[in-house]
Amino acid sequence: MDSDERSGGELRKSVKIRRRGDEEETPTDRLTHLPGPIIYHILSLLETNFAVQTSVLSRDWNRAWKHVPVLNLQRNSFETAAKFNSFVSKVLSLRYNLKLDKVVYVGGDANLPNPGKGNKSVSVINYALSHGAQHLVVHRQSCKTVFRDFSSVFSEYCNGDNNNNNNNKHNNNLKTLDLKLVTLDAGFGACSGFPMLTTLNLTDCDLGNEGVLTLVNFPCLENLVVAQCFPSDGPGRRMKIYGPHLLTLEVKHTGLCDFDIFAPKLEFLGLRQNVSSNGFIDTALPTLDRAYIELTTSDVSTMGKRRVGHYLNSLFQVLQSAKTLRINWSTLEVR
């Protein structure tokens, strides 16, 4: 027997269907017969528009995306804002009325005549909260004015009665909130409708005219990240952060702002900042355990070494309780 016949025989043996008694076993379609929870988990790893496309795979997958506890809505996956908004509307209307775990909304289009008109941000937020989402990410890609009164989006959850208002029955679920390019007014800090919120991330957000971020009504809020956030009238003002329950705080690139921080339980402070402000005012962190400081001094000649020294003096007073302190090397160049 030559090699071709031998390899052909081996191939036929490898694909031969097993017999059980006198009956042949039907080959199993493993994709079709995957358990529902596994299918939903796989789809939860995809952007929602791709998850919807899997409905053509088989009859069992036709409505699978409607069960997925994650919505991942990305504007960049669509040619135009109009197509994206249309898709979002259809998803919210066709999805089964099931509880959500996470909602990600990344939208916004600077090329629209009125970027705020017809955007689905508010609809997505309301849908997420009313369906018990534990994690909510809302990233605007342009135009802060879309959310000038962001707290009004949460108004029914901030002021409602959980016993009488059906819209509030899932409020206790929200644990993480990640916002980008939005404006927060004083009403947001006064919101008491999310008692289980543990983590708040703010990126490139407008903190209102006073530049005050009051978080006294978030009893479980332990982690806060503030990156590139400023008061409404721009950098150069004092930023006030009141977080009586905070354990970790990261402040990144907030321009020329001075800081007034009230966080009596804070254990970790991360600071990435340009040394160009007066530093820390009325700030004491008695429980601080660890700190990571990365400072730059891009224009010392203009600022003057005395001002830089004043900043560093105020900083080290704040850090005096830290047991572990890491400082970027460039800070040590300042004399």
Protein backbone atom coordinates (compact mmCIF):
# COMPACT_ATOMS: atom_id res chain seq x y z
CA MET A 1 0.00 0.00 0.00
CA ASP A 2 1.42 3.33 -1.03
CA SER A 3 1.59 6.38 1.21
CA ASP A 4 -1.41 8.09 -0.45
CA GLU A 5 -3.71 5.12 0.16
CA ARG A 6 -2.43 4.75 3.72
CA SER A 7 -3.00 8.44 4.54
CA GLY A 8 -6.45 8.28 2.92
CA GLY A 9 -7.39 5.31 5.07
CA GLU A 10 -6.20 7.05 8.21
CA LEU A 11 -8.22 10.14 7.26
CA ARG A 12 -11.37 8.05 6.76
CA LYS A 13 -10.81 6.45 10.15
CA SER A 14 -10.42 9.85 11.80
CA VAL A 15 -13.76 11.12 10.49
CA LYS A 16 -15.71 7.87 10.83
CA ILE A 17 -18.91 8.40 12.81
CA ARG A 18 -19.11 6.32 15.95
CA ARG A 19 -21.86 3.76 16.22
CA ARG A 20 -23.96 2.99 19.27
CA GLY A 21 -25.57 -0.33 18.66
CA ASP A 22 -26.96 -0.30 15.13
CA GLU A 23 -27.66 3.45 15.03
CA GLU A 24 -25.28 6.18 13.92
CA GLU A 25 -24.82 9.18 16.18
CA THR A 26 -25.78 12.52 14.67
CA PRO A 27 -22.89 15.00 14.78
CA THR A 28 -23.49 17.63 17.47
CA ASP A 29 -23.70 21.33 16.57
CA ARG A 30 -21.91 22.67 19.62
CA LEU A 31 -22.43 26.32 18.67
CA THR A 32 -26.20 25.91 18.50
CA HIS A 33 -26.43 23.94 21.73
CA LEU A 34 -24.31 26.14 23.96
CA PRO A 35 -26.07 26.89 27.26
CA GLY A 36 -27.77 30.28 27.34
CA PRO A 37 -25.57 31.77 30.12
CA ILE A 38 -22.43 30.98 28.11
CA ILE A 39 -23.88 32.57 24.97
CA TYR A 40 -24.86 35.68 26.93
CA HIS A 41 -21.39 35.91 28.46
CA ILE A 42 -19.75 35.68 25.03
CA LEU A 43 -22.02 38.40 23.65
CA SER A 44 -21.38 40.61 26.67
CA LEU A 45 -17.73 40.88 25.58
CA LEU A 46 -18.73 42.43 22.24
CA GLU A 47 -19.97 45.85 21.27
CA THR A 48 -23.75 45.69 21.11
CA ASN A 49 -23.89 46.24 17.34
CA PHE A 50 -21.70 43.15 16.83
CA ALA A 51 -23.74 41.17 19.35
CA VAL A 52 -26.90 41.95 17.37
CA GLN A 53 -25.26 40.66 14.17
CA THR A 54 -24.86 37.19 15.72
CA SER A 55 -28.62 36.74 15.44
CA VAL A 56 -28.05 35.34 11.92
CA LEU A 57 -25.95 32.41 13.19
CA SER A 58 -28.84 30.16 14.12
CA ARG A 59 -32.41 30.12 15.39
CA ASP A 60 -31.22 29.80 18.99
CA TRP A 61 -29.00 32.86 18.58
CA ASN A 62 -31.70 34.95 16.91
CA ARG A 63 -32.83 36.65 20.11
CA ALA A 64 -29.81 35.91 22.31
CA TRP A 65 -28.55 39.52 22.28
CA LYS A 66 -31.80 40.64 23.91
CA HIS A 67 -30.85 38.70 27.05
CA VAL A 68 -27.33 40.08 27.42
CA PRO A 69 -26.87 42.04 30.69
CA VAL A 70 -24.34 44.42 29.08
CA LEU A 71 -24.91 47.25 26.60
CA ASN A 72 -21.80 48.59 24.87
CA LEU A 73 -22.81 51.42 22.55
CA GLN A 74 -19.91 52.99 20.61
CA ARG A 75 -20.44 55.93 18.25
CA ASN A 76 -17.17 55.22 16.38
CA SER A 77 -18.60 51.97 15.02
CA PHE A 78 -21.12 53.90 12.89
CA GLU A 79 -20.62 56.09 9.84
CA THR A 80 -22.89 58.89 11.05
CA ALA A 81 -24.41 60.09 14.30
CA ALA A 82 -27.88 59.61 12.81
CA LYS A 83 -27.24 55.90 12.23
CA PHE A 84 -25.85 55.53 15.71
CA ASN A 85 -28.85 57.24 17.32
CA SER A 86 -31.24 55.12 15.26
CA PHE A 87 -29.45 51.95 16.35
CA VAL A 88 -29.54 52.98 20.01
CA SER A 89 -33.29 53.66 19.82
CA LYS A 90 -33.97 50.23 18.30
CA VAL A 91 -31.83 48.42 20.87
CA LEU A 92 -33.58 50.10 23.80
CA SER A 93 -37.00 49.30 22.36
CA LEU A 94 -36.33 45.69 21.31
CA ARG A 95 -34.23 44.45 24.21
CA TYR A 96 -36.08 42.30 26.73
CA ASN A 97 -37.04 44.03 29.96
CA LEU A 98 -34.29 42.33 31.95
CA LYS A 99 -31.89 43.59 34.57
CA LEU A 100 -28.61 45.08 33.38
CA ASP A 101 -25.13 44.73 34.84
CA LYS A 102 -23.17 47.31 32.82
CA VAL A 103 -23.90 50.04 30.29
CA VAL A 104 -21.22 51.79 28.23
CA TYR A 105 -22.21 54.77 26.11
CA VAL A 106 -19.54 56.50 24.04
CA GLY A 107 -21.20 59.08 21.81
CA GLY A 108 -21.21 62.62 20.48
CA ASP A 109 -20.54 64.25 17.15
CA ALA A 110 -18.88 67.64 16.82
CA ASN A 111 -19.95 67.91 13.16
CA LEU A 112 -23.67 68.05 13.90
CA PRO A 113 -25.27 71.53 13.65
CA ASN A 114 -26.64 71.03 17.16
CA PRO A 115 -24.72 68.21 18.91
CA GLY A 116 -27.22 68.16 21.76
CA LYS A 117 -30.27 67.65 19.56
CA GLY A 118 -31.40 64.06 19.23
CA ASN A 119 -28.48 62.54 21.12
CA LYS A 120 -29.40 59.44 23.08
CA SER A 121 -27.29 60.07 26.17
CA VAL A 122 -30.23 60.88 28.43
CA SER A 123 -32.28 57.95 27.12
CA VAL A 124 -29.41 55.53 27.70
CA ILE A 125 -28.78 56.82 31.23
CA ASN A 126 -32.45 56.55 32.18
CA TYR A 127 -32.65 53.07 30.66
CA ALA A 128 -29.55 51.93 32.54
CA LEU A 129 -30.73 53.23 35.90
CA SER A 130 -34.29 51.96 35.53
CA HIS A 131 -32.94 48.49 34.69
CA GLY A 132 -30.68 48.24 37.70
CA ALA A 133 -27.27 48.70 36.06
CA GLN A 134 -24.40 48.32 38.52
CA HIS A 135 -21.81 50.00 36.28
CA LEU A 136 -22.44 53.02 34.07
CA VAL A 137 -19.96 54.64 31.66
CA VAL A 138 -20.98 57.81 29.80
CA HIS A 139 -18.25 59.34 27.64
CA ARG A 140 -19.03 62.31 25.46
CA GLN A 141 -16.67 62.70 22.52
CA SER A 142 -17.33 66.40 22.04
CA CYS A 143 -19.33 69.43 23.19
CA LYS A 144 -19.67 69.78 26.97
CA THR A 145 -22.81 71.87 26.52
CA VAL A 146 -24.77 68.71 25.80
CA PHE A 147 -24.88 68.01 29.52
CA ARG A 148 -24.91 71.52 30.94
CA ASP A 149 -27.40 70.43 33.59
CA PHE A 150 -26.25 66.87 34.05
CA SER A 151 -27.79 66.48 37.49
CA SER A 152 -31.27 66.93 35.99
CA VAL A 153 -30.77 63.56 34.26
CA PHE A 154 -30.58 61.97 37.70
CA SER A 155 -33.27 64.12 39.31
CA GLU A 156 -35.91 61.41 39.65
CA TYR A 157 -33.35 59.11 41.24
CA CYS A 158 -32.00 61.78 43.56
CA ASN A 159 -35.27 63.02 44.96
CA GLY A 160 -37.70 60.14 44.61
CA ASP A 161 -39.09 57.92 47.31
CA ASN A 162 -37.85 54.36 46.89
CA ASN A 163 -41.02 53.01 48.50
CA ASN A 164 -43.44 54.80 46.20
CA ASN A 165 -41.58 55.53 42.97
CA ASN A 166 -41.04 52.52 40.71
CA ASN A 167 -38.22 54.31 38.92
CA ASN A 168 -36.19 54.20 42.11
CA LYS A 169 -36.45 50.49 42.87
CA HIS A 170 -33.04 49.72 41.31
CA ASN A 171 -31.16 52.74 42.70
CA ASN A 172 -29.28 50.65 45.25
CA ASN A 173 -27.51 48.76 42.45
CA LEU A 174 -25.30 51.46 40.93
CA LYS A 175 -21.73 50.87 42.13
CA THR A 176 -19.46 52.59 39.60
CA LEU A 177 -20.00 55.74 37.55
CA ASP A 178 -17.54 56.90 34.87
CA LEU A 179 -18.21 60.27 33.20
CA LYS A 180 -16.33 62.19 30.52
CA LEU A 181 -17.00 65.62 29.03
CA VAL A 182 -20.01 66.48 31.13
CA THR A 183 -20.92 69.40 33.38
CA LEU A 184 -21.76 68.74 37.02
CA ASP A 185 -23.58 71.36 39.05
CA ALA A 186 -24.22 71.47 42.79
CA GLY A 187 -27.30 69.28 42.35
CA PHE A 188 -25.19 66.27 41.51
CA GLY A 189 -23.33 66.43 44.81
CA ALA A 190 -26.64 66.74 46.65
CA CYS A 191 -27.94 63.57 45.01
CA SER A 192 -28.75 60.90 47.59
CA GLY A 193 -30.29 58.30 45.29
CA PHE A 194 -27.22 56.09 44.87
CA PRO A 195 -26.25 54.89 48.34
CA MET A 196 -24.17 51.96 47.01
CA LEU A 197 -21.93 53.97 44.66
CA THR A 198 -18.32 53.04 45.48
CA THR A 199 -16.31 54.44 42.56
CA LEU A 200 -16.61 57.73 40.64
CA ASN A 201 -14.35 58.59 37.68
CA LEU A 202 -14.52 62.10 36.19
CA THR A 203 -12.54 63.03 33.08
CA ASP A 204 -12.50 66.44 31.43
CA CYS A 205 -15.60 67.51 33.34
CA ASP A 206 -16.85 70.99 34.16
CA LEU A 207 -17.35 71.33 37.92
CA GLY A 208 -19.56 74.43 37.76
CA ASN A 209 -18.84 78.03 38.68
CA GLU A 210 -17.75 77.22 42.22
CA GLY A 211 -15.53 74.28 41.33
CA VAL A 212 -16.94 72.33 44.26
CA LEU A 213 -17.33 68.56 44.22
CA THR A 214 -19.40 67.68 47.29
CA LEU A 215 -19.84 63.97 47.87
CA VAL A 216 -21.30 63.88 51.36
CA ASN A 217 -24.46 62.08 50.19
CA PHE A 218 -22.57 59.09 48.82
CA PRO A 219 -21.97 57.03 51.98
CA CYS A 220 -20.16 54.17 50.20
CA LEU A 221 -18.05 56.27 47.82
CA GLU A 222 -14.48 55.16 48.51
CA ASN A 223 -12.68 55.78 45.20
CA LEU A 224 -12.54 59.04 43.23
CA VAL A 225 -10.57 59.93 40.10
CA VAL A 226 -10.57 63.55 38.89
CA ALA A 227 -8.71 64.00 35.61
CA GLN A 228 -8.50 67.26 33.64
CA CYS A 229 -11.49 68.75 35.42
CA PHE A 230 -11.90 72.50 36.01
CA PRO A 231 -14.34 75.06 37.36
CA SER A 232 -16.61 76.59 34.70
CA ASP A 233 -14.52 79.76 34.40
CA GLY A 234 -11.43 77.73 33.61
CA PRO A 235 -8.25 76.71 35.40
CA GLY A 236 -6.71 79.01 37.96
CA ARG A 237 -9.49 78.70 40.53
CA ARG A 238 -9.69 76.69 43.71
CA MET A 239 -11.06 73.16 43.42
CA LYS A 240 -12.87 71.88 46.48
CA ILE A 241 -13.36 68.16 47.02
CA TYR A 242 -15.46 67.07 50.00
CA GLY A 243 -15.41 63.30 50.34
CA PRO A 244 -15.87 62.23 53.96
CA HIS A 245 -15.86 58.52 53.05
CA LEU A 246 -13.09 58.51 50.43
CA LEU A 247 -10.27 55.99 50.80
CA THR A 248 -8.46 56.67 47.52
CA LEU A 249 -8.18 59.89 45.50
CA GLU A 250 -6.38 60.46 42.21
CA VAL A 251 -6.04 63.97 40.77
CA LYS A 252 -4.56 64.31 37.28
CA HIS A 253 -3.70 67.39 35.24
CA THR A 254 -6.16 69.92 36.63
CA GLY A 255 -4.20 72.94 35.40
CA LEU A 256 -3.59 75.87 37.74
CA CYS A 257 -6.18 74.98 40.36
CA ASP A 258 -5.49 75.20 44.06
CA PHE A 259 -6.92 72.41 46.17
CA ASP A 260 -9.15 72.31 49.20
CA ILE A 261 -9.64 68.66 50.10
CA PHE A 262 -11.71 67.27 52.94
CA ALA A 263 -11.17 63.51 53.14
CA PRO A 264 -10.55 62.47 56.77
CA LYS A 265 -10.43 58.75 55.93
CA LEU A 266 -8.19 58.98 52.87
CA GLU A 267 -5.53 56.25 52.66
CA PHE A 268 -4.08 56.81 49.18
CA LEU A 269 -3.41 60.02 47.25
CA GLY A 270 -2.24 60.05 43.63
CA LEU A 271 -1.29 63.42 42.17
CA ARG A 272 -0.09 64.20 38.64
CA GLN A 273 0.12 67.94 38.35
CA ASN A 274 2.03 70.90 37.01
CA VAL A 275 3.58 72.96 39.82
CA SER A 276 1.94 76.23 38.90
CA SER A 277 -0.57 76.93 41.62
CA ASN A 278 -0.50 78.00 45.25
CA GLY A 279 -0.96 74.40 46.32
CA PHE A 280 -3.16 72.98 49.04
CA ILE A 281 -5.38 75.16 51.19
CA ASP A 282 -7.18 73.99 54.33
CA THR A 283 -6.24 70.39 53.57
CA ALA A 284 -5.34 67.78 56.17
CA LEU A 285 -5.17 64.03 55.50
CA PRO A 286 -4.54 62.46 58.93
CA THR A 287 -5.07 58.83 57.85
CA LEU A 288 -2.95 58.98 54.67
CA ASP A 289 -0.92 55.80 54.27
CA ARG A 290 0.42 55.93 50.70
CA ALA A 291 1.02 58.68 48.16
CA TYR A 292 2.31 58.79 44.61
CA ILE A 293 3.28 62.27 43.43
CA GLU A 294 4.33 63.14 39.87
CA LEU A 295 4.98 66.85 39.37
CA THR A 296 6.37 68.87 36.48
CA THR A 297 7.86 72.36 36.54
CA SER A 298 7.68 73.44 32.92
CA ASP A 299 8.02 77.19 33.54
CA VAL A 300 9.92 77.77 36.77
CA SER A 301 11.59 80.92 35.45
CA THR A 302 8.23 82.61 34.96
CA MET A 303 6.68 81.36 38.19
CA GLY A 304 9.68 81.98 40.38
CA LYS A 305 11.34 79.51 42.68
CA ARG A 306 9.65 81.08 45.71
CA ARG A 307 6.22 80.17 44.38
CA VAL A 308 7.38 76.65 43.53
CA GLY A 309 8.78 76.34 47.02
CA HIS A 310 5.48 77.51 48.51
CA TYR A 311 3.65 74.84 46.54
CA LEU A 312 6.00 72.10 47.64
CA ASN A 313 5.81 73.25 51.25
CA SER A 314 2.02 73.02 51.24
CA LEU A 315 2.22 69.63 49.54
CA PHE A 316 4.59 68.11 52.08
CA GLN A 317 2.45 69.36 54.93
CA VAL A 318 -0.44 67.40 53.43
CA LEU A 319 1.78 64.32 53.02
CA GLN A 320 3.31 64.34 56.49
CA SER A 321 1.20 61.39 57.68
CA ALA A 322 2.07 59.14 54.71
CA LYS A 323 4.00 55.97 55.58
CA THR A 324 4.93 55.27 51.96
CA LEU A 325 5.75 58.16 49.65
CA ARG A 326 6.88 58.02 46.03
CA ILE A 327 7.82 61.24 44.26
CA ASN A 328 8.72 61.62 40.62
CA TRP A 329 12.41 62.50 40.11
CA SER A 330 11.70 65.75 38.27
CA THR A 331 10.30 67.26 41.47
CA LEU A 332 13.68 66.87 43.13
CA GLU A 333 15.34 69.09 40.53
CA VAL A 334 13.66 72.14 42.06
CA ARG A 335 15.99 73.90 44.54
